[in-house]
Every structure is written in C-alpha cells, then in structure tokens.
C-alpha cells in the first residue's frame, strides 16, 4: 500500500482545511515547492497536489506553481482541483502530471469522464468526496444526491484509481472511515486510495485489512504537518504491513 503525502494549495501557500471549510484554513508553509522536495527526500513515491483555489473557481488557478513542482520533482504527481473540461485535463497532463484528478464532472458530466478515461487510459483518477455518504462537488461547497457507492460503480476500468475522501474526517485527525472504504472498495473495479482523518501509524496500519479489497493507497495530510505521523516511518510500516521494526509510540488513536 502506497503512502502519499498531500499538499493543498491556497493563494500560493501550503495549507490544510478542516472538513473542507475554506474559512478554517491553516497555512503550514508559504513555499509549497520546499514542502514537495521535503516529502520526496523522505521517501515519498508519489505526491498528491490539490489546487483549492481551482476547486472553488472551477479552473486551474495555481498552474505556474504546479508546473514548477512537476518540473522540479522526480516522483509522479497527481493533481486535482478545478478540472472540469478536457482542455484543463490535457493542459496538466502536458505539463508532465502523471494523473489528473477529476471530481465535480464525474457527477455533472459522466459522459465526459468516460471520454477522458478512453482518451487517457490510466491517467485519470476520480475523486469521490462524500459527506454522509453523498458525493460533494465544487470544492466540497455543494452536496449532490448521488451515493458515493453508486458513483464508484460507474467509473470506467480505464481510470487509474478512485480517491475516496470522507469530508467529515478530513483534517480532523479522528481516523479513517473503514466501513465506508470497505463498501466502496467492494463495488469498485479499480484501485481505491483512502483519504481523510489519518492521525497515526495505527490508523495507517488499520487500512491494511482493506488492501485485499482494492484499497491500494492512502493520502496523508495534516498528520504529517503536525508531526503526528513521520513519513519515513509510515512508508516503512505500510510497506512491511506489520508492527515490527517501528516505534510503539502511536499516540492516543485506536483502531477504528
């Protein structure tokens, strides 16, 4: 299972939101490139980059910064936020982005998603962001009537992965929603990447029980920035899939 550090871009800074609330943002670093290099140097094999301004506005806002990060790093980068048409997706892929993450259009224009998956096989990841089981759109500012599991079943097997985020847990450090992840993985035809709520190595190890169902990666954000999770230890722990050889200082989180 792959441990993927996250960088959220807002006004050119590296930030984290609480439950997707733009009014509850915390700046962790004013230089996202510096952060990206830090995660790469600590052993990350992939970077998760989100243009929060783009997600809100419906267009890619931080394109120049994304371009700089892509050109500087040597590891694959997946980028989401504001990708709501083919031109935006192609622009990112032409920059060298490995995966373009689409979300809102998966609900509003499923035919375009199918077209993109056919045109760029295994280059499109679909972000399914759920609030109480319902898919949220437009930077999490709106909630649709579609169930996350229903959307997962519609995704083409030519997509690279589904990135599932439980919004109620994002940025809260309360642990992943294992039951929701299990339900989603059971109906998905492609790998699932978990996101939201990771607070400790124990939380990460709890996800290993879902790996056989197709949960092949986990995105970690706030826990890295607050020091609750050490990226090197996390990669070792998930890579080994066992508790040996890692410090027994998991903090107060329990298996959930």
C-alpha atoms as a PDB file:
ATOM      1  CA  UNK A   1       0.000   0.000   0.000  1.00  0.00           C
ATOM      2  CA  UNK A   2       1.349   3.380  -1.031  1.00  0.00           C
ATOM      3  CA  UNK A   3       1.607   6.278   1.448  1.00  0.00           C
ATOM      4  CA  UNK A   4       1.044   9.523  -0.458  1.00  0.00           C
ATOM      5  CA  UNK A   5       1.752  12.919   1.160  1.00  0.00           C
ATOM      6  CA  UNK A   6      -0.674  15.712   0.294  1.00  0.00           C
ATOM      7  CA  UNK A   7      -0.074  19.349  -0.486  1.00  0.00           C
ATOM      8  CA  UNK A   8      -3.096  21.632  -0.686  1.00  0.00           C
ATOM      9  CA  UNK A   9      -2.514  24.923  -2.484  1.00  0.00           C
ATOM     10  CA  UNK A  10      -4.416  28.045  -1.487  1.00  0.00           C
ATOM     11  CA  UNK A  11      -3.284  31.518  -2.529  1.00  0.00           C
ATOM     12  CA  UNK A  12       0.131  30.042  -3.372  1.00  0.00           C
ATOM     13  CA  UNK A  13       0.648  28.591   0.103  1.00  0.00           C
ATOM     14  CA  UNK A  14       0.649  25.061   1.513  1.00  0.00           C
ATOM     15  CA  UNK A  15      -2.436  24.837   3.729  1.00  0.00           C
ATOM     16  CA  UNK A  16      -4.810  22.371   5.334  1.00  0.00           C
ATOM     17  CA  UNK A  17      -8.555  22.813   5.681  1.00  0.00           C
ATOM     18  CA  UNK A  18     -10.779  21.477   8.433  1.00  0.00           C
ATOM     19  CA  UNK A  19     -13.608  19.356   6.975  1.00  0.00           C
ATOM     20  CA  UNK A  20     -13.175  21.145   3.658  1.00  0.00           C
ATOM     21  CA  UNK A  21     -14.067  24.529   5.139  1.00  0.00           C
ATOM     22  CA  UNK A  22     -12.209  27.328   3.334  1.00  0.00           C
ATOM     23  CA  UNK A  23     -12.831  29.561   6.343  1.00  0.00           C
ATOM     24  CA  UNK A  24     -10.897  27.135   8.524  1.00  0.00           C
ATOM     25  CA  UNK A  25      -7.582  27.007   6.698  1.00  0.00           C
ATOM     26  CA  UNK A  26      -4.164  26.836   8.329  1.00  0.00           C
ATOM     27  CA  UNK A  27      -1.002  27.815   6.492  1.00  0.00           C
ATOM     28  CA  UNK A  28       1.788  25.320   7.145  1.00  0.00           C
ATOM     29  CA  UNK A  29       4.346  26.662   4.708  1.00  0.00           C
ATOM     30  CA  UNK A  30       4.482  29.615   2.330  1.00  0.00           C
ATOM     31  CA  UNK A  31       6.709  27.653  -0.067  1.00  0.00           C
ATOM     32  CA  UNK A  32       4.910  24.543  -1.414  1.00  0.00           C
ATOM     33  CA  UNK A  33       7.921  23.575  -3.548  1.00  0.00           C
ATOM     34  CA  UNK A  34      10.038  23.328  -0.412  1.00  0.00           C
ATOM     35  CA  UNK A  35       7.441  21.040   1.130  1.00  0.00           C
ATOM     36  CA  UNK A  36       7.236  18.887  -2.002  1.00  0.00           C
ATOM     37  CA  UNK A  37      11.003  18.383  -2.011  1.00  0.00           C
ATOM     38  CA  UNK A  38      10.890  17.520   1.687  1.00  0.00           C
ATOM     39  CA  UNK A  39       8.367  14.719   1.105  1.00  0.00           C
ATOM     40  CA  UNK A  40      10.321  13.414  -1.883  1.00  0.00           C
ATOM     41  CA  UNK A  41      13.548  13.394   0.138  1.00  0.00           C
ATOM     42  CA  UNK A  42      11.812  11.444   2.900  1.00  0.00           C
ATOM     43  CA  UNK A  43      10.943   8.630   0.515  1.00  0.00           C
ATOM     44  CA  UNK A  44       7.575   9.511  -0.989  1.00  0.00           C
ATOM     45  CA  UNK A  45       6.930   7.623  -4.219  1.00  0.00           C
ATOM     46  CA  UNK A  46       4.053   9.890  -5.288  1.00  0.00           C
ATOM     47  CA  UNK A  47       2.719  13.333  -4.397  1.00  0.00           C
ATOM     48  CA  UNK A  48      -0.925  14.370  -4.107  1.00  0.00           C
ATOM     49  CA  UNK A  49      -1.418  18.009  -5.085  1.00  0.00           C
ATOM     50  CA  UNK A  50      -4.727  19.875  -4.823  1.00  0.00           C
ATOM     51  CA  UNK A  51      -5.444  23.334  -6.222  1.00  0.00           C
ATOM     52  CA  UNK A  52      -8.003  24.517  -3.663  1.00  0.00           C
ATOM     53  CA  UNK A  53      -8.426  27.834  -5.449  1.00  0.00           C
ATOM     54  CA  UNK A  54      -9.106  25.888  -8.629  1.00  0.00           C
ATOM     55  CA  UNK A  55     -11.628  23.601  -6.939  1.00  0.00           C
ATOM     56  CA  UNK A  56     -13.553  26.642  -5.773  1.00  0.00           C
ATOM     57  CA  UNK A  57     -13.333  28.631  -9.023  1.00  0.00           C
ATOM     58  CA  UNK A  58     -13.750  25.752 -11.476  1.00  0.00           C
ATOM     59  CA  UNK A  59     -10.496  26.477 -13.315  1.00  0.00           C
ATOM     60  CA  UNK A  60      -6.843  25.729 -12.607  1.00  0.00           C
ATOM     61  CA  UNK A  61      -5.584  28.726 -10.627  1.00  0.00           C
ATOM     62  CA  UNK A  62      -2.141  27.673  -9.392  1.00  0.00           C
ATOM     63  CA  UNK A  63      -0.896  26.396 -12.770  1.00  0.00           C
ATOM     64  CA  UNK A  64       2.519  28.121 -12.646  1.00  0.00           C
ATOM     65  CA  UNK A  65       3.228  26.732  -9.184  1.00  0.00           C
ATOM     66  CA  UNK A  66       2.092  23.244 -10.189  1.00  0.00           C
ATOM     67  CA  UNK A  67       4.355  23.433 -13.249  1.00  0.00           C
ATOM     68  CA  UNK A  68       7.346  24.361 -11.084  1.00  0.00           C
ATOM     69  CA  UNK A  69       6.711  21.477  -8.685  1.00  0.00           C
ATOM     70  CA  UNK A  70       6.264  18.959 -11.527  1.00  0.00           C
ATOM     71  CA  UNK A  71       9.454  20.108 -13.264  1.00  0.00           C
ATOM     72  CA  UNK A  72      11.491  20.019 -10.044  1.00  0.00           C
ATOM     73  CA  UNK A  73      10.431  16.692  -8.558  1.00  0.00           C
ATOM     74  CA  UNK A  74      11.358  13.296  -9.977  1.00  0.00           C
ATOM     75  CA  UNK A  75       8.453  11.315  -8.472  1.00  0.00           C
ATOM     76  CA  UNK A  76       4.977  11.030 -10.077  1.00  0.00           C
ATOM     77  CA  UNK A  77       2.478  13.720  -9.154  1.00  0.00           C
ATOM     78  CA  UNK A  78      -1.304  13.550  -9.202  1.00  0.00           C
ATOM     79  CA  UNK A  79      -3.179  16.854  -9.336  1.00  0.00           C
ATOM     80  CA  UNK A  80      -6.778  17.823  -8.741  1.00  0.00           C
ATOM     81  CA  UNK A  81      -8.863  20.947  -8.299  1.00  0.00           C
ATOM     82  CA  UNK A  82     -10.967  22.702 -10.907  1.00  0.00           C
ATOM     83  CA  UNK A  83     -10.553  20.160 -13.713  1.00  0.00           C
ATOM     84  CA  UNK A  84     -13.971  20.371 -15.327  1.00  0.00           C
ATOM     85  CA  UNK A  85     -13.238  20.143 -19.041  1.00  0.00           C
ATOM     86  CA  UNK A  86     -10.941  18.283 -21.417  1.00  0.00           C
ATOM     87  CA  UNK A  87      -8.730  21.305 -22.068  1.00  0.00           C
ATOM     88  CA  UNK A  88      -7.870  21.658 -18.371  1.00  0.00           C
ATOM     89  CA  UNK A  89      -7.055  17.968 -18.083  1.00  0.00           C
ATOM     90  CA  UNK A  90      -4.882  17.975 -21.205  1.00  0.00           C
ATOM     91  CA  UNK A  91      -3.051  21.072 -20.003  1.00  0.00           C
ATOM     92  CA  UNK A  92      -1.998  19.357 -16.789  1.00  0.00           C
ATOM     93  CA  UNK A  93      -1.041  16.089 -18.454  1.00  0.00           C
ATOM     94  CA  UNK A  94       1.058  18.015 -20.968  1.00  0.00           C
ATOM     95  CA  UNK A  95       2.955  19.558 -18.046  1.00  0.00           C
ATOM     96  CA  UNK A  96       4.046  16.086 -17.014  1.00  0.00           C
ATOM     97  CA  UNK A  97       1.438  15.419 -14.327  1.00  0.00           C
ATOM     98  CA  UNK A  98       1.034  11.647 -14.034  1.00  0.00           C
ATOM     99  CA  UNK A  99      -2.635  11.651 -13.045  1.00  0.00           C
ATOM    100  CA  UNK A 100      -5.324  14.288 -13.393  1.00  0.00           C
ATOM    101  CA  UNK A 101      -7.931  14.053 -10.635  1.00  0.00           C
ATOM    102  CA  UNK A 102     -11.489  14.913 -11.577  1.00  0.00           C
ATOM    103  CA  UNK A 103     -14.378  15.207  -9.180  1.00  0.00           C
ATOM    104  CA  UNK A 104     -17.283  17.519  -9.911  1.00  0.00           C
ATOM    105  CA  UNK A 105     -17.691  16.455 -13.549  1.00  0.00           C
ATOM    106  CA  UNK A 106     -17.937  12.817 -12.503  1.00  0.00           C
ATOM    107  CA  UNK A 107     -21.366  13.753 -11.171  1.00  0.00           C
ATOM    108  CA  UNK A 108     -22.345  16.525 -13.580  1.00  0.00           C
ATOM    109  CA  UNK A 109     -20.935  15.129 -16.838  1.00  0.00           C
ATOM    110  CA  UNK A 110     -20.254  11.370 -16.613  1.00  0.00           C
ATOM    111  CA  UNK A 111     -20.047  11.101 -20.410  1.00  0.00           C
ATOM    112  CA  UNK A 112     -17.035  13.425 -20.405  1.00  0.00           C
ATOM    113  CA  UNK A 113     -15.391  11.337 -17.696  1.00  0.00           C
ATOM    114  CA  UNK A 114     -15.809   8.229 -19.842  1.00  0.00           C
ATOM    115  CA  UNK A 115     -14.366  10.103 -22.799  1.00  0.00           C
ATOM    116  CA  UNK A 116     -11.353  11.244 -20.767  1.00  0.00           C
ATOM    117  CA  UNK A 117     -10.675   7.738 -19.454  1.00  0.00           C
ATOM    118  CA  UNK A 118     -10.769   6.395 -23.013  1.00  0.00           C
ATOM    119  CA  UNK A 119      -8.526   9.163 -24.324  1.00  0.00           C
ATOM    120  CA  UNK A 120      -6.035   8.995 -21.442  1.00  0.00           C
ATOM    121  CA  UNK A 121      -6.155   5.442 -20.078  1.00  0.00           C
ATOM    122  CA  UNK A 122      -4.914   5.120 -16.506  1.00  0.00           C
ATOM    123  CA  UNK A 123      -4.116   8.843 -16.410  1.00  0.00           C
ATOM    124  CA  UNK A 124      -7.437   9.891 -14.882  1.00  0.00           C
ATOM    125  CA  UNK A 125      -8.181   9.467 -11.186  1.00  0.00           C
ATOM    126  CA  UNK A 126     -11.694  10.130  -9.959  1.00  0.00           C
ATOM    127  CA  UNK A 127     -12.070  11.921  -6.657  1.00  0.00           C
ATOM    128  CA  UNK A 128     -15.162  10.816  -4.780  1.00  0.00           C
ATOM    129  CA  UNK A 129     -15.613  13.175  -1.850  1.00  0.00           C
ATOM    130  CA  UNK A 130     -18.501  12.181   0.367  1.00  0.00           C
ATOM    131  CA  UNK A 131     -20.489  13.915   3.069  1.00  0.00           C
ATOM    132  CA  UNK A 132     -22.734  11.455   4.938  1.00  0.00           C
ATOM    133  CA  UNK A 133     -22.376   9.042   2.038  1.00  0.00           C
ATOM    134  CA  UNK A 134     -23.431  11.608  -0.597  1.00  0.00           C
ATOM    135  CA  UNK A 135     -20.997  12.932  -3.209  1.00  0.00           C
ATOM    136  CA  UNK A 136     -19.918  16.549  -2.708  1.00  0.00           C
ATOM    137  CA  UNK A 137     -18.913  18.774  -5.622  1.00  0.00           C
ATOM    138  CA  UNK A 138     -17.441  22.209  -6.443  1.00  0.00           C
ATOM    139  CA  UNK A 139     -14.661  22.103  -3.879  1.00  0.00           C
ATOM    140  CA  UNK A 140     -16.964  20.439  -1.340  1.00  0.00           C
ATOM    141  CA  UNK A 141     -19.183  23.529  -1.321  1.00  0.00           C
ATOM    142  CA  UNK A 142     -22.211  21.597  -2.642  1.00  0.00           C
ATOM    143  CA  UNK A 143     -23.585  18.131  -1.881  1.00  0.00           C
ATOM    144  CA  UNK A 144     -25.333  16.089  -4.560  1.00  0.00           C
ATOM    145  CA  UNK A 145     -27.996  13.426  -4.133  1.00  0.00           C
ATOM    146  CA  UNK A 146     -25.737  10.698  -5.554  1.00  0.00           C
ATOM    147  CA  UNK A 147     -24.440   7.956  -3.283  1.00  0.00           C
ATOM    148  CA  UNK A 148     -20.668   7.509  -3.309  1.00  0.00           C
ATOM    149  CA  UNK A 149     -21.017   3.778  -3.913  1.00  0.00           C
ATOM    150  CA  UNK A 150     -23.298   4.360  -6.919  1.00  0.00           C
ATOM    151  CA  UNK A 151     -20.752   6.703  -8.481  1.00  0.00           C
ATOM    152  CA  UNK A 152     -17.936   4.224  -7.834  1.00  0.00           C
ATOM    153  CA  UNK A 153     -19.754   1.557  -9.829  1.00  0.00           C
ATOM    154  CA  UNK A 154     -19.996   3.870 -12.833  1.00  0.00           C
ATOM    155  CA  UNK A 155     -16.294   4.640 -13.101  1.00  0.00           C
ATOM    156  CA  UNK A 156     -14.538   3.183 -16.133  1.00  0.00           C
ATOM    157  CA  UNK A 157     -11.983   0.446 -15.567  1.00  0.00           C
ATOM    158  CA  UNK A 158      -9.649   2.588 -17.670  1.00  0.00           C
ATOM    159  CA  UNK A 159      -9.442   5.134 -14.846  1.00  0.00           C
ATOM    160  CA  UNK A 160      -6.307   4.968 -12.718  1.00  0.00           C
ATOM    161  CA  UNK A 161      -7.965   4.970  -9.307  1.00  0.00           C
ATOM    162  CA  UNK A 162     -10.742   6.299  -7.124  1.00  0.00           C
ATOM    163  CA  UNK A 163      -9.597   8.700  -4.416  1.00  0.00           C
ATOM    164  CA  UNK A 164     -12.173   8.478  -1.641  1.00  0.00           C
ATOM    165  CA  UNK A 165     -12.400  11.236   0.940  1.00  0.00           C
ATOM    166  CA  UNK A 166     -14.773  11.273   3.889  1.00  0.00           C
ATOM    167  CA  UNK A 167     -15.202  15.040   4.266  1.00  0.00           C
ATOM    168  CA  UNK A 168     -16.389  14.782   7.865  1.00  0.00           C
ATOM    169  CA  UNK A 169     -12.991  13.334   8.766  1.00  0.00           C
ATOM    170  CA  UNK A 170     -10.721  15.401   6.546  1.00  0.00           C
ATOM    171  CA  UNK A 171      -8.319  17.478   8.620  1.00  0.00           C
ATOM    172  CA  UNK A 172      -9.830  16.201  11.874  1.00  0.00           C
ATOM    173  CA  UNK A 173      -7.248  13.530  12.806  1.00  0.00           C
ATOM    174  CA  UNK A 174     -10.004  11.201  14.046  1.00  0.00           C
ATOM    175  CA  UNK A 175      -9.090   8.186  11.908  1.00  0.00           C
ATOM    176  CA  UNK A 176     -10.305   6.848   8.534  1.00  0.00           C
ATOM    177  CA  UNK A 177     -13.853   5.668   7.872  1.00  0.00           C
ATOM    178  CA  UNK A 178     -13.062   1.989   7.397  1.00  0.00           C
ATOM    179  CA  UNK A 179     -16.651   0.895   6.862  1.00  0.00           C
ATOM    180  CA  UNK A 180     -17.279   3.423   4.086  1.00  0.00           C
ATOM    181  CA  UNK A 181     -13.974   2.482   2.456  1.00  0.00           C
ATOM    182  CA  UNK A 182     -14.879  -1.195   2.633  1.00  0.00           C
ATOM    183  CA  UNK A 183     -18.264  -0.599   0.977  1.00  0.00           C
ATOM    184  CA  UNK A 184     -16.709   1.489  -1.774  1.00  0.00           C
ATOM    185  CA  UNK A 185     -13.846  -0.926  -2.470  1.00  0.00           C
ATOM    186  CA  UNK A 186     -16.256  -3.830  -2.751  1.00  0.00           C
ATOM    187  CA  UNK A 187     -18.131  -2.215  -5.643  1.00  0.00           C
ATOM    188  CA  UNK A 188     -15.180  -0.559  -7.399  1.00  0.00           C
ATOM    189  CA  UNK A 189     -13.494  -2.144 -10.426  1.00  0.00           C
ATOM    190  CA  UNK A 190     -10.321  -0.083  -9.966  1.00  0.00           C
ATOM    191  CA  UNK A 191      -7.939   0.601  -7.062  1.00  0.00           C
ATOM    192  CA  UNK A 192      -9.120   2.853  -4.241  1.00  0.00           C
ATOM    193  CA  UNK A 193      -6.964   5.413  -2.452  1.00  0.00           C
ATOM    194  CA  UNK A 194      -8.124   6.399   1.035  1.00  0.00           C
ATOM    195  CA  UNK A 195      -8.065   9.994   2.211  1.00  0.00           C
ATOM    196  CA  UNK A 196      -9.213  11.833   5.319  1.00  0.00           C
ATOM    197  CA  UNK A 197      -8.753  11.515   9.064  1.00  0.00           C
ATOM    198  CA  UNK A 198      -5.373   9.766   9.283  1.00  0.00           C
ATOM    199  CA  UNK A 199      -3.846  10.639  12.657  1.00  0.00           C
ATOM    200  CA  UNK A 200      -1.281   7.957  13.463  1.00  0.00           C
ATOM    201  CA  UNK A 201       0.619   4.896  12.312  1.00  0.00           C
ATOM    202  CA  UNK A 202      -2.123   2.831  13.910  1.00  0.00           C
ATOM    203  CA  UNK A 203      -4.671   4.427  11.570  1.00  0.00           C
ATOM    204  CA  UNK A 204      -2.447   3.615   8.611  1.00  0.00           C
ATOM    205  CA  UNK A 205      -1.978   0.012   9.664  1.00  0.00           C
ATOM    206  CA  UNK A 206      -5.742  -0.375  10.136  1.00  0.00           C
ATOM    207  CA  UNK A 207      -6.123   0.179   6.389  1.00  0.00           C
ATOM    208  CA  UNK A 208      -4.064  -2.903   5.597  1.00  0.00           C
ATOM    209  CA  UNK A 209      -7.135  -5.027   6.338  1.00  0.00           C
ATOM    210  CA  UNK A 210      -8.732  -3.457   3.243  1.00  0.00           C
ATOM    211  CA  UNK A 211      -5.789  -3.902   0.876  1.00  0.00           C
ATOM    212  CA  UNK A 212      -7.057  -7.225  -0.422  1.00  0.00           C
ATOM    213  CA  UNK A 213     -10.348  -5.500  -1.357  1.00  0.00           C
ATOM    214  CA  UNK A 214      -8.507  -2.992  -3.521  1.00  0.00           C
ATOM    215  CA  UNK A 215      -7.515  -0.152  -1.178  1.00  0.00           C
ATOM    216  CA  UNK A 216      -4.023   0.334  -2.585  1.00  0.00           C
ATOM    217  CA  UNK A 217      -3.005   3.727  -1.259  1.00  0.00           C
ATOM    218  CA  UNK A 218      -3.571   6.295   1.461  1.00  0.00           C
ATOM    219  CA  UNK A 219      -3.196  10.064   1.334  1.00  0.00           C
ATOM    220  CA  UNK A 220      -1.845  11.708   4.462  1.00  0.00           C
ATOM    221  CA  UNK A 221      -2.026  15.436   5.049  1.00  0.00           C
ATOM    222  CA  UNK A 222      -2.496  17.170   8.373  1.00  0.00           C
ATOM    223  CA  UNK A 223      -0.939  14.346  10.397  1.00  0.00           C
ATOM    224  CA  UNK A 224       2.344  14.893   8.549  1.00  0.00           C
ATOM    225  CA  UNK A 225       2.291  18.642   9.069  1.00  0.00           C
ATOM    226  CA  UNK A 226       1.527  18.407  12.779  1.00  0.00           C
ATOM    227  CA  UNK A 227       4.145  15.723  13.358  1.00  0.00           C
ATOM    228  CA  UNK A 228       1.679  13.029  14.405  1.00  0.00           C
ATOM    229  CA  UNK A 229       2.939  10.830  11.556  1.00  0.00           C
ATOM    230  CA  UNK A 230       6.533  10.584  10.362  1.00  0.00           C
ATOM    231  CA  UNK A 231       6.569   9.897   6.619  1.00  0.00           C
ATOM    232  CA  UNK A 232       9.625   7.613   6.687  1.00  0.00           C
ATOM    233  CA  UNK A 233       8.131   5.513   9.490  1.00  0.00           C
ATOM    234  CA  UNK A 234       4.771   5.433   7.750  1.00  0.00           C
ATOM    235  CA  UNK A 235       6.263   4.173   4.499  1.00  0.00           C
ATOM    236  CA  UNK A 236       8.181   1.517   6.394  1.00  0.00           C
ATOM    237  CA  UNK A 237       5.139   0.473   8.418  1.00  0.00           C
ATOM    238  CA  UNK A 238       2.792   0.176   5.458  1.00  0.00           C
ATOM    239  CA  UNK A 239       5.466  -1.410   3.297  1.00  0.00           C
ATOM    240  CA  UNK A 240       6.117  -4.076   5.896  1.00  0.00           C
ATOM    241  CA  UNK A 241       2.463  -4.475   6.782  1.00  0.00           C
ATOM    242  CA  UNK A 242       3.343  -5.295  10.353  1.00  0.00           C
ATOM    243  CA  UNK A 243       4.130  -3.646  13.653  1.00  0.00           C
ATOM    244  CA  UNK A 244       7.709  -4.891  13.975  1.00  0.00           C
ATOM    245  CA  UNK A 245      10.616  -2.554  13.400  1.00  0.00           C
ATOM    246  CA  UNK A 246       8.654   0.643  14.046  1.00  0.00           C
ATOM    247  CA  UNK A 247       8.435   2.634  17.290  1.00  0.00           C
ATOM    248  CA  UNK A 248       5.487   1.785  19.524  1.00  0.00           C
ATOM    249  CA  UNK A 249       4.503   5.416  20.027  1.00  0.00           C
ATOM    250  CA  UNK A 250       1.262   5.576  18.125  1.00  0.00           C
ATOM    251  CA  UNK A 251      -0.265   8.231  20.374  1.00  0.00           C
ATOM    252  CA  UNK A 252      -3.880   8.009  21.501  1.00  0.00           C
ATOM    253  CA  UNK A 253      -5.506   6.757  18.281  1.00  0.00           C
ATOM    254  CA  UNK A 254      -7.028   3.294  18.340  1.00  0.00           C
ATOM    255  CA  UNK A 255      -8.072   1.027  15.521  1.00  0.00           C
ATOM    256  CA  UNK A 256     -11.387   2.206  14.146  1.00  0.00           C
END
